[in-house]
Amino acid sequence: MIDKNTFDSRTALFHTLGCKLNFAETSTVARLFAERGITRVQRGDTPDIVVVNTCSVTDLADKKCRQAIRRMTKKYPDATVIVTGCYAQLKPEEVALIEGVDIVAGNDSKNALPQYLDEWLKKREQTTHHIDFKQIREFTPSCSRGDRTRYFLKVQDGCDYYCSYCTIPMARGRSRSGSIDSILAQARMAADEGGKEIVLTGVNVGDFGKCRDETFLDLIRELDKVDGIERYRISSIEPNLLTPEIVEFVAASKRFMPSFHIPLQSGNDEVLKLMRRHYDTALFASRVELIRKTIPDAFIGVDLIVGARGETIDRFESSRRFVESMDISRLHVFTYSERPGTRALEIDHVVDQAEKHRRTRIMLAVSEKKLTDFTQRYMGTTRPVLLEHRRRDGLMAGFTDNYLRVAVETDSAAPNTVVPVMLGDYDPMNEESRGEVVI
């Protein structure tokens, strides 16, 4: 058994919940720990330190975070447990009450975790490091390699939109970003380490450069010039910030992949107004039409919330019809949950839980059909695939340029290489392959 009060050879386990931005920041924390001599725990070993990076986008996310924290404290009772991230930022007192938690740190404090650990070692008293979201001003850079081949490059943080259902501005603070020069330096570092693909992450990436004389379009133009990186992907970007110029640039670029992730949230204009979104369905439809006209093969993923306050049955049916009319590739369906402190709680019409789940099932079925239809367009065609890792069944997993998940039979191709692949059978009901195209 490891003595919690001695760290002769420290190891750490990192557990991340939530978005790609969280994963990027966790890897940065791991690198900062490594600089202090704290290494990642090996499989099967017991860690000295556990870091849980949390999410709080929904009530279910909060619940999963609590379960994860309790699971870690129970499994590793002698480890120093650090909890950070959005849940820790929004509800630090609640996190501190969970038995076994030693350090609670808000989102602005992630890069200071090594120092907080040093302080804990001296006093061995639970500490909480938290400031009000209105005081969060600093942009902390992060570029990290995922568990496979992709790098996640944080280009922006925070949000100024204050949508009525969302707590992210309270968890992440005001919109802010790094400079183009600093982002380019991190991209070059990823290239030097052998990185082939970079995903640009942030809370609201299209807001990059706000309060600077720089724009997101300026950024991607410069990133496109970095030697060594073969692929870039843009993570979720607001439809009103996805300008025609950005779409046209991606169409002309050889490095920015033909895939987009665009939050819609509702296909009904009345609900969009209640949500305090910054666009209407006409603008959203125009963006999808532009992408299809300019980049016909592009994958278009869309976020959708169902069962929000104010979504009457007629408004839901309107949203469903709108989504079905769009030439998109897949839906990411979220069931609405009440978030304390949001303006959505002032909206009268409340959808009961059973009806929320019914609507979720309907939209998931729409998503499945969209993905099947999009995938089947490319059966028998050849697309470039970045191979990521070999699965237990011996197939090599990867993604095409337009974000189709594939499993390839190959003995010669290595992970982190791009190879041409002719796409074969697609079985959306194959649970083992999770809907992969099997070559």
Protein backbone atom coordinates (compact mmCIF):
# COMPACT_ATOMS: atom_id res chain seq x y z
CA MET A 1 0.00 0.00 0.00
CA ILE A 2 1.26 3.46 -0.93
CA ASP A 3 1.68 5.94 1.89
CA LYS A 4 -0.25 9.07 0.91
CA ASN A 5 2.32 11.20 2.74
CA THR A 6 5.40 10.04 0.84
CA PHE A 7 6.18 10.52 -2.85
CA ASP A 8 9.60 8.97 -3.44
CA SER A 9 8.59 7.92 -6.99
CA ARG A 10 5.45 9.79 -7.89
CA THR A 11 3.03 8.60 -10.54
CA ALA A 12 -0.25 10.14 -11.66
CA LEU A 13 -3.44 8.91 -13.24
CA PHE A 14 -5.41 11.41 -15.37
CA HIS A 15 -9.15 10.97 -15.92
CA THR A 16 -10.89 13.40 -18.27
CA LEU A 17 -14.59 13.94 -18.90
CA GLY A 18 -16.19 16.18 -21.50
CA CYS A 19 -14.94 18.01 -24.57
CA LYS A 20 -11.77 17.93 -26.69
CA LEU A 21 -10.68 21.15 -24.98
CA ASN A 22 -10.63 19.33 -21.65
CA PHE A 23 -8.52 16.53 -23.12
CA ALA A 24 -6.03 19.06 -24.49
CA GLU A 25 -5.75 20.75 -21.11
CA THR A 26 -5.35 17.45 -19.26
CA SER A 27 -2.38 16.57 -21.44
CA THR A 28 -0.83 19.94 -20.69
CA VAL A 29 -1.21 19.27 -16.97
CA ALA A 30 0.40 15.86 -17.46
CA ARG A 31 3.34 17.53 -19.20
CA LEU A 32 3.71 20.03 -16.36
CA PHE A 33 3.71 17.15 -13.88
CA ALA A 34 6.31 15.31 -15.95
CA GLU A 35 8.57 18.36 -15.72
CA ARG A 36 8.39 17.87 -11.93
CA GLY A 37 9.31 14.20 -12.24
CA ILE A 38 5.74 12.90 -11.92
CA THR A 39 5.08 10.28 -14.62
CA ARG A 40 1.89 8.70 -15.87
CA VAL A 41 0.99 5.54 -14.00
CA GLN A 42 1.51 2.28 -15.87
CA ARG A 43 -1.43 0.01 -16.54
CA GLY A 44 -2.12 -2.16 -13.48
CA ASP A 45 -0.09 0.00 -11.08
CA THR A 46 -1.47 2.17 -8.29
CA PRO A 47 -1.05 5.94 -8.72
CA ASP A 48 0.19 8.36 -6.07
CA ILE A 49 -1.89 11.15 -7.58
CA VAL A 50 -5.26 11.16 -9.37
CA VAL A 51 -6.34 14.16 -11.45
CA VAL A 52 -10.00 14.29 -12.52
CA ASN A 53 -10.74 16.96 -15.13
CA THR A 54 -14.49 17.49 -15.07
CA CYS A 55 -17.32 18.63 -17.34
CA SER A 56 -20.57 20.39 -16.41
CA VAL A 57 -22.40 20.91 -19.69
CA THR A 58 -25.53 19.09 -18.41
CA ASP A 59 -26.95 17.75 -15.17
CA LEU A 60 -26.02 14.27 -16.39
CA ALA A 61 -22.43 15.46 -16.85
CA ASP A 62 -22.37 16.62 -13.21
CA LYS A 63 -23.65 13.22 -12.13
CA LYS A 64 -21.01 11.39 -14.17
CA CYS A 65 -18.33 13.60 -12.64
CA ARG A 66 -19.46 12.80 -9.09
CA GLN A 67 -19.51 9.10 -9.93
CA ALA A 68 -16.04 9.26 -11.46
CA ILE A 69 -14.59 11.12 -8.46
CA ARG A 70 -16.11 8.67 -5.97
CA ARG A 71 -14.94 5.74 -8.06
CA MET A 72 -11.38 7.07 -8.01
CA THR A 73 -11.34 7.85 -4.29
CA LYS A 74 -12.69 4.38 -3.53
CA LYS A 75 -10.31 2.57 -5.86
CA TYR A 76 -7.25 4.60 -4.79
CA PRO A 77 -7.89 5.60 -1.17
CA ASP A 78 -4.22 6.40 -0.54
CA ALA A 79 -3.78 8.65 -3.59
CA THR A 80 -3.87 12.44 -3.54
CA VAL A 81 -7.03 13.31 -5.47
CA ILE A 82 -7.18 16.56 -7.45
CA VAL A 83 -10.45 17.69 -9.09
CA THR A 84 -10.44 20.48 -11.68
CA GLY A 85 -12.47 21.56 -14.72
CA CYS A 86 -15.95 23.01 -15.24
CA TYR A 87 -17.73 21.10 -12.47
CA ALA A 88 -15.03 22.19 -10.01
CA GLN A 89 -15.36 25.77 -11.28
CA LEU A 90 -19.16 25.92 -10.98
CA LYS A 91 -19.62 23.91 -7.79
CA PRO A 92 -16.35 23.93 -5.81
CA GLU A 93 -18.07 23.53 -2.43
CA GLU A 94 -19.98 20.48 -3.66
CA VAL A 95 -16.79 18.89 -4.97
CA ALA A 96 -14.91 19.63 -1.74
CA LEU A 97 -17.55 17.72 0.25
CA ILE A 98 -16.85 14.49 -1.63
CA GLU A 99 -14.87 12.27 0.71
CA GLY A 100 -11.29 11.72 -0.40
CA VAL A 101 -10.89 14.89 -2.48
CA ASP A 102 -7.72 16.77 -1.48
CA ILE A 103 -7.44 19.64 -3.97
CA VAL A 104 -10.21 21.47 -5.84
CA ALA A 105 -9.11 23.83 -8.62
CA GLY A 106 -11.18 25.97 -10.99
CA ASN A 107 -10.61 26.23 -14.73
CA ASP A 108 -8.19 29.14 -14.41
CA SER A 109 -5.96 27.11 -12.09
CA LYS A 110 -5.14 24.00 -14.13
CA ASN A 111 -1.61 25.05 -15.00
CA ALA A 112 -0.92 25.79 -11.33
CA LEU A 113 -1.76 22.24 -10.20
CA PRO A 114 1.91 21.28 -9.65
CA GLN A 115 2.28 24.18 -7.21
CA TYR A 116 -0.96 23.29 -5.44
CA LEU A 117 0.32 19.74 -5.07
CA ASP A 118 3.54 21.03 -3.50
CA GLU A 119 1.50 23.10 -1.04
CA TRP A 120 -0.63 20.09 -0.16
CA LEU A 121 2.46 18.00 0.53
CA LYS A 122 3.60 20.57 3.08
CA LYS A 123 0.29 21.05 4.93
CA ARG A 124 -1.74 17.96 3.96
CA GLU A 125 -4.94 19.95 4.30
CA GLN A 126 -7.72 20.11 1.71
CA THR A 127 -7.48 23.27 -0.39
CA THR A 128 -9.82 24.95 -2.86
CA HIS A 129 -8.51 27.32 -5.54
CA HIS A 130 -11.34 29.23 -7.18
CA ILE A 131 -12.09 32.70 -8.49
CA ASP A 132 -15.32 34.15 -9.89
CA PHE A 133 -15.72 33.58 -13.63
CA LYS A 134 -15.82 37.35 -14.22
CA GLN A 135 -12.21 37.51 -13.05
CA ILE A 136 -10.97 34.84 -15.45
CA ARG A 137 -8.99 36.77 -18.04
CA GLU A 138 -5.81 34.83 -18.81
CA PHE A 139 -5.51 32.53 -21.81
CA THR A 140 -3.53 29.42 -20.95
CA PRO A 141 -2.12 27.65 -24.03
CA SER A 142 -2.47 23.94 -24.57
CA CYS A 143 -1.37 21.60 -27.34
CA SER A 144 -1.48 17.91 -26.67
CA ARG A 145 -1.32 14.60 -28.39
CA GLY A 146 -4.36 12.41 -27.99
CA ASP A 147 -4.16 8.76 -27.06
CA ARG A 148 -3.79 7.93 -30.75
CA THR A 149 -2.41 10.22 -33.46
CA ARG A 150 -4.27 13.53 -33.38
CA TYR A 151 -3.08 16.65 -31.60
CA PHE A 152 -5.58 18.94 -29.93
CA LEU A 153 -4.51 22.58 -30.21
CA LYS A 154 -6.35 25.05 -27.99
CA VAL A 155 -6.76 28.33 -29.86
CA GLN A 156 -9.51 30.01 -27.84
CA ASP A 157 -11.27 29.79 -24.47
CA GLY A 158 -14.38 31.24 -22.82
CA CYS A 159 -17.59 32.57 -24.34
CA ASP A 160 -19.45 35.89 -24.45
CA TYR A 161 -22.70 34.56 -25.92
CA TYR A 162 -24.64 33.72 -22.73
CA CYS A 163 -27.20 31.44 -24.36
CA SER A 164 -30.16 31.01 -22.04
CA TYR A 165 -29.57 27.28 -21.38
CA CYS A 166 -25.78 27.32 -20.99
CA THR A 167 -23.39 27.58 -18.05
CA ILE A 168 -20.17 27.57 -20.08
CA PRO A 169 -19.55 31.35 -19.74
CA MET A 170 -19.79 30.88 -15.96
CA ALA A 171 -17.44 27.91 -16.11
CA ARG A 172 -14.91 29.26 -18.61
CA GLY A 173 -15.10 33.06 -18.35
CA ARG A 174 -14.99 35.67 -21.11
CA SER A 175 -13.84 34.90 -24.64
CA ARG A 176 -10.07 35.13 -25.08
CA SER A 177 -7.40 33.57 -27.25
CA GLY A 178 -3.69 33.28 -27.87
CA SER A 179 -1.82 35.17 -30.57
CA ILE A 180 -1.34 33.72 -34.03
CA ASP A 181 2.42 33.59 -33.46
CA SER A 182 2.00 31.56 -30.25
CA ILE A 183 -0.43 29.14 -31.91
CA LEU A 184 1.91 28.66 -34.87
CA ALA A 185 4.78 27.85 -32.51
CA GLN A 186 2.74 25.07 -30.92
CA ALA A 187 1.71 23.70 -34.33
CA ARG A 188 5.36 23.57 -35.40
CA MET A 189 6.20 21.75 -32.17
CA ALA A 190 3.52 19.15 -32.98
CA ALA A 191 4.98 18.75 -36.47
CA ASP A 192 8.47 18.29 -35.03
CA GLU A 193 7.10 15.52 -32.79
CA GLY A 194 5.71 13.71 -35.85
CA GLY A 195 2.12 14.91 -35.63
CA LYS A 196 0.07 14.47 -38.78
CA GLU A 197 -3.31 15.86 -37.72
CA ILE A 198 -4.29 18.79 -35.50
CA VAL A 199 -7.79 19.52 -34.24
CA LEU A 200 -8.34 23.21 -33.44
CA THR A 201 -10.23 23.36 -30.16
CA GLY A 202 -11.87 26.00 -28.01
CA VAL A 203 -15.20 26.98 -26.51
CA ASN A 204 -16.06 29.29 -29.42
CA VAL A 205 -13.21 28.95 -31.93
CA GLY A 206 -14.76 31.31 -34.46
CA ASP A 207 -14.37 34.07 -31.89
CA PHE A 208 -10.58 33.75 -32.12
CA GLY A 209 -8.74 37.06 -32.07
CA LYS A 210 -11.45 39.05 -30.33
CA CYS A 211 -9.90 42.21 -28.83
CA ARG A 212 -6.89 41.63 -31.10
CA ASP A 213 -6.26 42.73 -34.67
CA GLU A 214 -6.53 39.07 -35.73
CA THR A 215 -9.32 36.77 -36.93
CA PHE A 216 -9.95 33.04 -37.14
CA LEU A 217 -9.54 33.27 -40.91
CA ASP A 218 -6.13 34.88 -40.40
CA LEU A 219 -5.19 32.02 -38.08
CA ILE A 220 -6.13 29.15 -40.37
CA ARG A 221 -4.40 30.82 -43.31
CA GLU A 222 -1.14 30.87 -41.34
CA LEU A 223 -1.56 27.35 -39.95
CA ASP A 224 -2.01 26.08 -43.49
CA LYS A 225 1.62 27.07 -44.17
CA VAL A 226 3.13 24.95 -41.36
CA ASP A 227 5.26 22.20 -42.88
CA GLY A 228 4.78 18.67 -41.63
CA ILE A 229 1.11 18.85 -40.63
CA GLU A 230 -0.97 16.98 -43.20
CA ARG A 231 -4.41 17.51 -41.70
CA TYR A 232 -6.30 20.15 -39.73
CA ARG A 233 -9.85 19.87 -38.46
CA ILE A 234 -11.95 22.70 -37.07
CA SER A 235 -13.91 21.69 -33.98
CA SER A 236 -17.38 23.10 -33.31
CA ILE A 237 -17.85 26.55 -34.87
CA GLU A 238 -20.93 28.75 -34.54
CA PRO A 239 -22.89 29.12 -37.82
CA ASN A 240 -22.83 32.91 -37.64
CA LEU A 241 -19.02 32.79 -37.30
CA LEU A 242 -18.55 30.23 -40.06
CA THR A 243 -18.16 32.85 -42.77
CA PRO A 244 -18.27 32.17 -46.52
CA GLU A 245 -14.58 33.15 -46.60
CA ILE A 246 -13.73 30.35 -44.13
CA VAL A 247 -15.69 27.79 -46.16
CA GLU A 248 -14.00 28.91 -49.38
CA PHE A 249 -10.57 28.73 -47.73
CA VAL A 250 -11.16 25.17 -46.50
CA ALA A 251 -12.33 24.21 -50.00
CA ALA A 252 -9.06 25.46 -51.50
CA SER A 253 -6.77 24.15 -48.76
CA LYS A 254 -4.98 20.81 -49.05
CA ARG A 255 -4.48 20.58 -45.28
CA PHE A 256 -7.83 21.63 -43.82
CA MET A 257 -10.08 18.60 -44.06
CA PRO A 258 -13.60 18.66 -45.56
CA SER A 259 -15.43 18.27 -42.25
CA PHE A 260 -17.42 20.73 -40.15
CA HIS A 261 -19.11 20.59 -36.77
CA ILE A 262 -21.83 23.24 -36.51
CA PRO A 263 -24.16 23.70 -33.50
CA LEU A 264 -27.79 24.19 -34.50
CA GLN A 265 -29.45 23.42 -31.11
CA SER A 266 -32.97 23.83 -32.55
CA GLY A 267 -34.50 23.84 -36.00
CA ASN A 268 -37.26 26.20 -34.90
CA ASP A 269 -36.78 29.98 -34.92
CA GLU A 270 -38.99 30.62 -31.88
CA VAL A 271 -36.95 28.20 -29.79
CA LEU A 272 -33.70 29.71 -31.11
CA LYS A 273 -34.89 33.12 -29.87
CA LEU A 274 -35.70 31.67 -26.44
CA MET A 275 -32.23 30.10 -26.42
CA ARG A 276 -30.72 33.52 -27.25
CA ARG A 277 -28.82 32.08 -30.17
CA HIS A 278 -27.11 34.41 -32.64
CA TYR A 279 -28.67 33.15 -35.89
CA ASP A 280 -31.91 31.77 -37.34
CA THR A 281 -32.70 28.69 -39.40
CA ALA A 282 -32.36 30.65 -42.65
CA LEU A 283 -28.74 31.53 -41.86
CA PHE A 284 -27.98 27.97 -40.77
CA ALA A 285 -29.50 26.55 -43.96
CA SER A 286 -27.46 28.98 -46.05
CA ARG A 287 -24.24 27.75 -44.42
CA VAL A 288 -25.08 24.10 -45.10
CA GLU A 289 -26.02 24.92 -48.70
CA LEU A 290 -22.76 26.84 -49.18
CA ILE A 291 -20.69 23.94 -47.83
CA ARG A 292 -22.47 21.43 -50.06
CA LYS A 293 -22.02 23.68 -53.11
CA THR A 294 -18.36 24.46 -52.37
CA ILE A 295 -17.22 21.15 -50.77
CA PRO A 296 -19.73 18.46 -51.85
CA ASP A 297 -17.95 15.64 -49.98
CA ALA A 298 -17.76 17.49 -46.63
CA PHE A 299 -18.89 15.78 -43.45
CA ILE A 300 -21.30 18.07 -41.57
CA GLY A 301 -21.94 17.17 -37.93
CA VAL A 302 -24.66 19.13 -36.12
CA ASP A 303 -25.41 19.64 -32.40
CA LEU A 304 -29.07 19.55 -31.40
CA ILE A 305 -30.83 20.02 -28.06
CA VAL A 306 -34.26 18.43 -27.60
CA GLY A 307 -36.83 19.08 -24.89
CA ALA A 308 -35.67 22.60 -24.05
CA ARG A 309 -37.99 24.91 -22.15
CA GLY A 310 -40.32 26.54 -24.65
CA GLU A 311 -40.12 23.64 -27.13
CA THR A 312 -43.82 22.84 -27.57
CA ILE A 313 -44.78 19.76 -29.57
CA ASP A 314 -45.44 21.95 -32.64
CA ARG A 315 -42.03 23.60 -32.31
CA PHE A 316 -40.36 20.22 -31.92
CA GLU A 317 -42.05 18.92 -35.07
CA SER A 318 -40.94 22.09 -36.87
CA SER A 319 -37.37 21.43 -35.70
CA ARG A 320 -37.54 17.80 -36.83
CA ARG A 321 -38.77 18.77 -40.30
CA PHE A 322 -36.01 21.35 -40.64
CA VAL A 323 -33.29 18.90 -39.62
CA GLU A 324 -34.62 16.23 -41.97
CA SER A 325 -34.52 18.75 -44.84
CA MET A 326 -30.83 19.53 -44.31
CA ASP A 327 -28.13 17.66 -46.24
CA ILE A 328 -26.06 16.95 -43.11
CA SER A 329 -24.08 13.89 -42.08
CA ARG A 330 -24.85 13.29 -38.42
CA LEU A 331 -26.56 14.73 -35.34
CA HIS A 332 -25.10 14.98 -31.85
CA VAL A 333 -28.32 14.89 -29.83
CA PHE A 334 -28.44 16.31 -26.31
CA THR A 335 -31.41 16.00 -23.98
CA TYR A 336 -32.06 19.34 -22.30
CA SER A 337 -31.41 19.52 -18.57
CA GLU A 338 -32.01 22.39 -16.14
CA ARG A 339 -28.89 24.33 -15.20
CA PRO A 340 -28.92 26.55 -12.10
CA GLY A 341 -28.32 30.22 -12.77
CA THR A 342 -29.41 30.15 -16.42
CA ARG A 343 -32.09 32.39 -17.94
CA ALA A 344 -33.85 29.36 -19.41
CA LEU A 345 -35.41 28.78 -15.99
CA GLU A 346 -37.54 31.88 -16.62
CA ILE A 347 -39.26 30.23 -19.62
CA ASP A 348 -42.70 28.85 -18.75
CA HIS A 349 -43.25 25.82 -20.98
CA VAL A 350 -41.53 22.76 -19.45
CA VAL A 351 -41.19 19.43 -21.28
CA ASP A 352 -41.58 16.41 -19.00
CA GLN A 353 -38.84 13.83 -18.83
CA ALA A 354 -40.68 11.05 -20.68
CA GLU A 355 -41.42 13.39 -23.57
CA LYS A 356 -37.79 14.55 -23.65
CA HIS A 357 -36.65 10.96 -24.04
CA ARG A 358 -39.24 10.30 -26.77
CA ARG A 359 -37.99 13.30 -28.73
CA THR A 360 -34.38 12.23 -28.21
CA ARG A 361 -35.14 8.79 -29.68
CA ILE A 362 -36.79 10.39 -32.71
CA MET A 363 -33.80 12.65 -33.41
CA LEU A 364 -31.32 9.81 -32.87
CA ALA A 365 -33.19 7.83 -35.53
CA VAL A 366 -32.92 10.83 -37.87
CA SER A 367 -29.20 10.97 -37.14
CA GLU A 368 -28.70 7.29 -37.88
CA LYS A 369 -30.41 7.66 -41.25
CA LYS A 370 -28.37 10.77 -42.09
CA LEU A 371 -25.10 8.99 -41.27
CA THR A 372 -26.07 5.88 -43.24
CA ASP A 373 -27.11 7.90 -46.29
CA PHE A 374 -23.93 10.02 -46.18
CA THR A 375 -21.65 7.01 -45.73
CA GLN A 376 -23.22 4.99 -48.53
CA ARG A 377 -22.43 7.76 -51.00
CA TYR A 378 -18.77 6.79 -50.76
CA MET A 379 -18.92 3.00 -50.92
CA GLY A 380 -16.60 1.87 -53.69
CA THR A 381 -14.68 5.16 -53.76
CA THR A 382 -11.08 5.71 -52.64
CA ARG A 383 -10.33 8.23 -49.88
CA PRO A 384 -7.18 9.09 -47.90
CA VAL A 385 -7.26 7.55 -44.42
CA LEU A 386 -5.11 8.49 -41.43
CA LEU A 387 -4.52 5.21 -39.61
CA GLU A 388 -4.68 5.57 -35.82
CA HIS A 389 -4.32 2.26 -34.01
CA ARG A 390 -4.72 -1.48 -34.36
CA ARG A 391 -7.86 -2.89 -32.80
CA ARG A 392 -8.15 -6.11 -30.83
CA ASP A 393 -9.62 -7.87 -33.87
CA GLY A 394 -6.48 -7.01 -35.87
CA LEU A 395 -8.05 -4.33 -38.08
CA MET A 396 -6.46 -0.89 -38.26
CA ALA A 397 -8.81 1.94 -37.29
CA GLY A 398 -8.74 5.42 -38.78
CA PHE A 399 -10.66 8.24 -40.43
CA THR A 400 -11.04 9.39 -44.01
CA ASP A 401 -10.46 13.02 -44.92
CA ASN A 402 -14.22 13.59 -44.70
CA TYR A 403 -14.42 11.99 -41.26
CA LEU A 404 -15.75 8.53 -42.03
CA ARG A 405 -14.59 6.00 -39.46
CA VAL A 406 -13.00 2.99 -41.12
CA ALA A 407 -11.43 -0.32 -40.18
CA VAL A 408 -8.75 -1.54 -42.56
CA GLU A 409 -7.27 -5.02 -43.05
CA THR A 410 -3.54 -4.38 -43.37
CA ASP A 411 -0.32 -5.86 -42.03
CA SER A 412 2.09 -3.36 -43.54
CA ALA A 413 0.67 0.14 -42.88
CA ALA A 414 1.73 1.73 -39.59
CA PRO A 415 -0.26 4.01 -37.29
CA ASN A 416 0.05 7.75 -37.99
CA THR A 417 0.33 7.26 -41.73
CA VAL A 418 -2.06 8.42 -44.44
CA VAL A 419 -2.93 5.76 -47.02
CA PRO A 420 -5.44 5.57 -49.90
CA VAL A 421 -8.26 3.17 -49.09
CA MET A 422 -11.17 1.94 -51.20
CA LEU A 423 -14.23 1.96 -48.98
CA GLY A 424 -16.13 -1.31 -48.71
CA ASP A 425 -19.13 -2.51 -46.73
CA TYR A 426 -20.91 -0.36 -44.17
CA ASP A 427 -22.99 -1.88 -41.38
CA PRO A 428 -24.52 0.76 -39.05
CA MET A 429 -25.89 -1.97 -36.78
CA ASN A 430 -22.51 -3.61 -36.16
CA GLU A 431 -21.93 -2.78 -32.49
CA GLU A 432 -18.38 -4.13 -32.49
CA SER A 433 -17.26 -1.75 -35.23
CA ARG A 434 -19.62 1.06 -34.08
CA GLY A 435 -20.80 1.70 -37.60
CA GLU A 436 -17.35 1.65 -39.20
CA VAL A 437 -16.77 1.14 -42.87
CA VAL A 438 -15.02 -2.24 -43.05
CA ILE A 439 -12.48 -2.48 -45.87
